[in-house]
């Protein structure tokens, strides 16, 4: 068998993976969902043809979207995740013993069900008693939320169900949903392929947050392999981040990697007027 799956990251750029087996495919009420087993990256979850997570490199994204903001906030007790139905971000959040409750807001329940079935290691903490699942629209949910310490926007690309998660109005709702030292982090795509979007996210968040900081990670199966996150803070500076819980097991994140992630290449600095964390 010589079957390949290709994610067209732009009209001119695609990533192809050799497929061993198609494990699941369905049309949910919101999107096309597929799970395939690949030679190079193990099991892969795709939504509308776009790679969301893989067995082999999922830890990079999930650790970096989670541990950076949770170590910047002084006391992260109430946390929300918008999107993130695969459960990997939840798994990482619960490595922080201070966290008392986590709310996962996922519009498509079928994503959670597929992850439980095909990615049990990623979804292993979805049944933790501290986790509250909400299968609803994240935009409306955030509009009514209040007094959260950290909100992570673990969304798909800015098309279809996720399009409204990349607007100034949504960033204003995020800020209103946070407490005095609140932090919101959003995945903000590739600086090589989505430069204009990164500029829009940065500008939109600056209207609602005291500090806005871009940081980077290497995620091999995401467009270009270089991925960005944008952190909006109502007070805490990333340069004053705590080292993280003692003995916390990670495979990519470390305090040193976190500090380096905010030191941006010149071409990324030129995309936005990036604020620099204070030097420790």
Protein backbone atom coordinates (compact mmCIF):
# COMPACT_ATOMS: atom_id res chain seq x y z
CA UNK A 1 0.00 0.00 0.00
CA UNK A 2 1.35 3.44 -0.95
CA UNK A 3 -1.13 5.92 0.55
CA UNK A 4 -0.21 9.45 1.56
CA UNK A 5 -2.09 12.22 3.34
CA UNK A 6 -1.23 15.81 2.44
CA UNK A 7 -2.04 18.91 4.44
CA UNK A 8 -2.04 21.90 2.12
CA UNK A 9 -0.64 24.55 4.42
CA UNK A 10 -0.90 27.21 1.71
CA UNK A 11 -1.93 26.84 -1.95
CA UNK A 12 1.78 26.31 -2.71
CA UNK A 13 3.04 24.40 0.35
CA UNK A 14 2.03 20.97 1.59
CA UNK A 15 3.21 18.40 4.12
CA UNK A 16 2.75 14.76 3.10
CA UNK A 17 2.88 11.78 5.44
CA UNK A 18 2.88 8.14 4.39
CA UNK A 19 -0.18 6.39 5.82
CA UNK A 20 -0.18 2.87 7.24
CA UNK A 21 -3.92 2.84 7.98
CA UNK A 22 -6.95 5.12 8.07
CA UNK A 23 -8.34 4.54 11.57
CA UNK A 24 -11.34 6.86 11.53
CA UNK A 25 -13.06 9.34 9.27
CA UNK A 26 -16.34 11.20 9.72
CA UNK A 27 -18.13 14.44 9.03
CA UNK A 28 -19.08 15.99 12.39
CA UNK A 29 -21.64 18.82 12.65
CA UNK A 30 -18.68 21.24 12.43
CA UNK A 31 -15.85 19.75 10.38
CA UNK A 32 -14.24 16.75 8.71
CA UNK A 33 -12.47 14.62 11.32
CA UNK A 34 -9.92 11.93 10.50
CA UNK A 35 -7.41 9.80 12.38
CA UNK A 36 -4.64 8.09 10.42
CA UNK A 37 -1.68 5.96 11.45
CA UNK A 38 1.50 7.17 9.74
CA UNK A 39 4.99 5.78 9.29
CA UNK A 40 6.84 8.85 10.57
CA UNK A 41 4.63 10.41 13.25
CA UNK A 42 2.39 7.61 14.51
CA UNK A 43 -1.27 8.46 14.87
CA UNK A 44 -2.33 11.82 13.49
CA UNK A 45 -5.55 13.77 14.14
CA UNK A 46 -6.73 15.94 11.24
CA UNK A 47 -9.60 18.44 11.16
CA UNK A 48 -10.68 19.64 7.72
CA UNK A 49 -7.44 18.19 6.40
CA UNK A 50 -5.20 20.14 8.80
CA UNK A 51 -2.92 18.31 11.24
CA UNK A 52 -3.92 19.01 14.84
CA UNK A 53 -1.74 16.62 16.80
CA UNK A 54 0.47 13.58 16.33
CA UNK A 55 1.80 10.88 18.62
CA UNK A 56 5.40 11.87 17.97
CA UNK A 57 5.54 15.66 18.37
CA UNK A 58 2.41 16.59 20.35
CA UNK A 59 4.34 17.32 23.52
CA UNK A 60 6.10 20.35 22.04
CA UNK A 61 2.92 22.31 21.38
CA UNK A 62 1.08 21.19 24.50
CA UNK A 63 3.98 21.93 26.85
CA UNK A 64 4.73 25.33 25.36
CA UNK A 65 1.16 26.64 25.24
CA UNK A 66 0.71 25.55 28.88
CA UNK A 67 3.83 25.85 31.01
CA UNK A 68 4.87 29.28 29.79
CA UNK A 69 1.74 31.13 31.00
CA UNK A 70 1.29 28.94 34.08
CA UNK A 71 4.79 29.76 35.30
CA UNK A 72 4.39 33.46 34.49
CA UNK A 73 1.20 33.74 36.58
CA UNK A 74 2.06 33.87 40.31
CA UNK A 75 -0.80 31.60 41.46
CA UNK A 76 -2.68 29.81 38.64
CA UNK A 77 -5.70 28.24 40.34
CA UNK A 78 -8.56 28.71 37.83
CA UNK A 79 -7.68 27.88 34.24
CA UNK A 80 -9.75 27.65 31.07
CA UNK A 81 -8.91 26.15 27.69
CA UNK A 82 -10.77 27.22 24.57
CA UNK A 83 -10.55 24.41 22.03
CA UNK A 84 -8.01 21.73 22.87
CA UNK A 85 -10.43 18.82 22.57
CA UNK A 86 -7.58 16.32 22.21
CA UNK A 87 -6.83 16.83 25.91
CA UNK A 88 -3.08 17.41 25.71
CA UNK A 89 -3.22 20.91 27.14
CA UNK A 90 -5.36 19.64 30.03
CA UNK A 91 -2.77 16.95 30.75
CA UNK A 92 -0.03 19.57 30.99
CA UNK A 93 -2.08 22.01 33.09
CA UNK A 94 -2.68 19.37 35.74
CA UNK A 95 1.06 18.95 36.25
CA UNK A 96 0.77 22.21 38.24
CA UNK A 97 -0.46 21.28 41.75
CA UNK A 98 -1.79 24.80 42.44
CA UNK A 99 -4.49 24.37 39.80
CA UNK A 100 -7.84 23.75 41.46
CA UNK A 101 -10.17 23.73 38.46
CA UNK A 102 -9.91 23.60 34.68
CA UNK A 103 -12.68 24.33 32.20
CA UNK A 104 -12.34 22.86 28.70
CA UNK A 105 -14.57 24.61 26.18
CA UNK A 106 -14.73 22.59 22.95
CA UNK A 107 -17.39 23.21 20.31
CA UNK A 108 -17.10 19.73 18.75
CA UNK A 109 -17.69 16.86 21.16
CA UNK A 110 -16.59 14.36 18.52
CA UNK A 111 -13.01 15.64 18.79
CA UNK A 112 -12.94 14.69 22.47
CA UNK A 113 -14.47 11.29 21.73
CA UNK A 114 -11.93 10.59 18.99
CA UNK A 115 -9.06 11.56 21.25
CA UNK A 116 -10.27 9.34 24.08
CA UNK A 117 -10.42 6.42 21.65
CA UNK A 118 -7.32 6.90 19.51
CA UNK A 119 -5.02 9.08 21.66
CA UNK A 120 -5.48 7.79 25.22
CA UNK A 121 -2.07 9.05 26.36
CA UNK A 122 -2.90 12.58 25.23
CA UNK A 123 -6.45 12.47 26.63
CA UNK A 124 -5.55 10.74 29.89
CA UNK A 125 -6.56 13.62 32.20
CA UNK A 126 -9.93 14.50 30.67
CA UNK A 127 -11.72 12.55 33.40
CA UNK A 128 -9.86 14.18 36.27
CA UNK A 129 -12.38 15.58 38.82
CA UNK A 130 -10.85 19.06 38.47
CA UNK A 131 -11.79 19.15 34.78
CA UNK A 132 -15.14 20.55 33.65
CA UNK A 133 -16.13 19.94 30.03
CA UNK A 134 -18.30 22.43 28.12
CA UNK A 135 -19.36 21.48 24.61
CA UNK A 136 -20.32 24.90 23.38
CA UNK A 137 -19.13 27.94 21.48
CA UNK A 138 -15.97 29.30 23.09
CA UNK A 139 -16.68 32.89 22.06
CA UNK A 140 -20.00 32.99 23.89
CA UNK A 141 -18.61 31.10 26.89
CA UNK A 142 -15.71 33.51 27.37
CA UNK A 143 -18.06 36.48 27.10
CA UNK A 144 -19.78 35.33 30.31
CA UNK A 145 -16.69 34.04 32.17
CA UNK A 146 -15.03 35.94 35.02
CA UNK A 147 -12.11 35.74 37.48
CA UNK A 148 -9.93 33.21 35.68
CA UNK A 149 -6.19 33.25 36.29
CA UNK A 150 -5.12 31.83 32.94
CA UNK A 151 -7.01 31.23 29.68
CA UNK A 152 -5.37 29.25 26.88
CA UNK A 153 -6.78 29.49 23.37
CA UNK A 154 -5.80 26.11 21.93
CA UNK A 155 -7.68 26.62 18.69
CA UNK A 156 -7.57 25.28 15.18
CA UNK A 157 -6.48 27.53 12.31
CA UNK A 158 -8.49 30.77 11.80
CA UNK A 159 -11.09 29.30 9.45
CA UNK A 160 -14.47 27.69 10.02
CA UNK A 161 -15.50 27.27 13.69
CA UNK A 162 -12.33 29.00 14.98
CA UNK A 163 -12.45 32.15 12.85
CA UNK A 164 -14.05 34.28 15.58
CA UNK A 165 -11.25 33.40 18.04
CA UNK A 166 -8.86 35.69 16.15
CA UNK A 167 -10.64 39.04 16.53
CA UNK A 168 -10.10 42.12 18.74
CA UNK A 169 -13.58 41.64 20.21
CA UNK A 170 -12.64 38.15 21.39
CA UNK A 171 -9.38 39.40 22.90
CA UNK A 172 -11.35 42.03 24.81
CA UNK A 173 -13.61 39.26 26.14
CA UNK A 174 -10.53 37.29 27.21
CA UNK A 175 -9.22 40.25 29.18
CA UNK A 176 -12.60 40.78 30.86
CA UNK A 177 -12.74 37.08 31.83
CA UNK A 178 -9.42 37.27 33.68
CA UNK A 179 -8.61 38.37 37.21
CA UNK A 180 -6.20 41.23 38.08
CA UNK A 181 -3.00 39.27 37.27
CA UNK A 182 -4.65 37.31 34.48
CA UNK A 183 -2.84 35.88 31.48
CA UNK A 184 -4.18 34.71 28.13
CA UNK A 185 -2.10 32.78 25.63
CA UNK A 186 -3.22 32.08 22.07
CA UNK A 187 -1.61 29.95 19.40
CA UNK A 188 -0.67 32.42 16.69
CA UNK A 189 0.49 30.38 13.70
CA UNK A 190 3.74 30.42 11.70
CA UNK A 191 5.85 33.57 11.25
CA UNK A 192 6.99 32.22 7.88
CA UNK A 193 3.54 31.58 6.42
CA UNK A 194 1.07 33.71 8.43
CA UNK A 195 2.97 36.93 9.09
CA UNK A 196 -0.07 39.15 8.50
CA UNK A 197 -2.14 37.13 10.97
CA UNK A 198 0.56 37.43 13.64
CA UNK A 199 0.54 41.20 13.19
CA UNK A 200 -3.25 41.29 13.56
CA UNK A 201 -3.20 39.13 16.68
CA UNK A 202 -0.48 41.25 18.27
CA UNK A 203 -2.29 44.50 17.47
CA UNK A 204 -5.64 43.13 18.63
CA UNK A 205 -4.29 41.92 21.96
CA UNK A 206 -2.38 45.14 22.67
CA UNK A 207 -5.73 46.94 22.80
CA UNK A 208 -6.82 44.82 25.79
CA UNK A 209 -3.66 43.74 27.67
CA UNK A 210 -0.97 45.70 29.51
CA UNK A 211 1.77 43.56 27.98
CA UNK A 212 1.83 41.41 24.85
CA UNK A 213 4.71 39.01 24.18
CA UNK A 214 5.44 36.67 21.29
CA UNK A 215 7.34 33.41 21.80
CA UNK A 216 8.32 30.50 19.56
CA UNK A 217 8.60 26.71 19.51
CA UNK A 218 9.59 24.11 16.93
CA UNK A 219 6.63 21.88 16.04
CA UNK A 220 7.70 19.69 13.08
CA UNK A 221 4.25 18.87 11.69
CA UNK A 222 2.84 22.41 11.90
CA UNK A 223 3.23 24.76 8.93
CA UNK A 224 6.93 25.60 8.41
CA UNK A 225 7.87 23.83 11.67
CA UNK A 226 8.31 27.16 13.48
CA UNK A 227 5.26 28.05 15.56
CA UNK A 228 4.34 31.13 17.52
CA UNK A 229 2.30 31.84 20.63
CA UNK A 230 1.15 35.26 21.81
CA UNK A 231 0.86 35.91 25.54
CA UNK A 232 -1.27 38.77 26.82
CA UNK A 233 -0.69 39.79 30.44
CA UNK A 234 -2.67 42.09 32.71
CA UNK A 235 0.37 42.47 34.96
CA UNK A 236 2.99 39.69 35.34
CA UNK A 237 6.12 39.91 33.19
CA UNK A 238 7.43 36.72 31.54
CA UNK A 239 10.93 37.66 32.69
CA UNK A 240 9.81 36.99 36.28
CA UNK A 241 8.48 33.49 35.58
CA UNK A 242 8.71 30.86 38.30
CA UNK A 243 10.81 27.73 37.54
CA UNK A 244 7.80 25.39 37.55
CA UNK A 245 6.78 22.61 39.94
CA UNK A 246 9.64 20.53 41.34
CA UNK A 247 10.07 17.28 39.46
CA UNK A 248 7.61 18.16 36.69
CA UNK A 249 8.20 15.77 33.78
CA UNK A 250 8.51 17.43 30.37
CA UNK A 251 10.17 16.56 27.06
CA UNK A 252 10.56 20.00 25.44
CA UNK A 253 9.79 22.75 27.96
CA UNK A 254 12.31 23.85 30.56
CA UNK A 255 12.92 27.20 32.27
CA UNK A 256 15.88 27.72 29.93
CA UNK A 257 13.86 26.90 26.81
CA UNK A 258 11.12 29.23 28.03
CA UNK A 259 13.54 32.14 28.45
CA UNK A 260 15.03 31.50 25.01
CA UNK A 261 11.59 31.26 23.36
CA UNK A 262 11.02 34.99 23.92
CA UNK A 263 14.35 35.91 22.25
CA UNK A 264 13.00 36.39 18.76
CA UNK A 265 14.85 36.19 15.44
CA UNK A 266 15.23 39.56 13.75
CA UNK A 267 12.66 38.79 11.05
CA UNK A 268 10.06 37.94 13.71
CA UNK A 269 10.85 41.09 15.67
CA UNK A 270 10.19 43.01 12.48
CA UNK A 271 6.72 41.48 12.16
CA UNK A 272 5.55 43.17 15.34
CA UNK A 273 6.87 45.68 17.79
CA UNK A 274 7.48 42.82 20.18
CA UNK A 275 7.81 43.60 23.87
CA UNK A 276 10.79 41.97 25.56
CA UNK A 277 10.39 40.24 28.93
CA UNK A 278 12.45 41.77 31.72
CA UNK A 279 15.88 40.21 32.08
CA UNK A 280 16.05 37.92 35.13
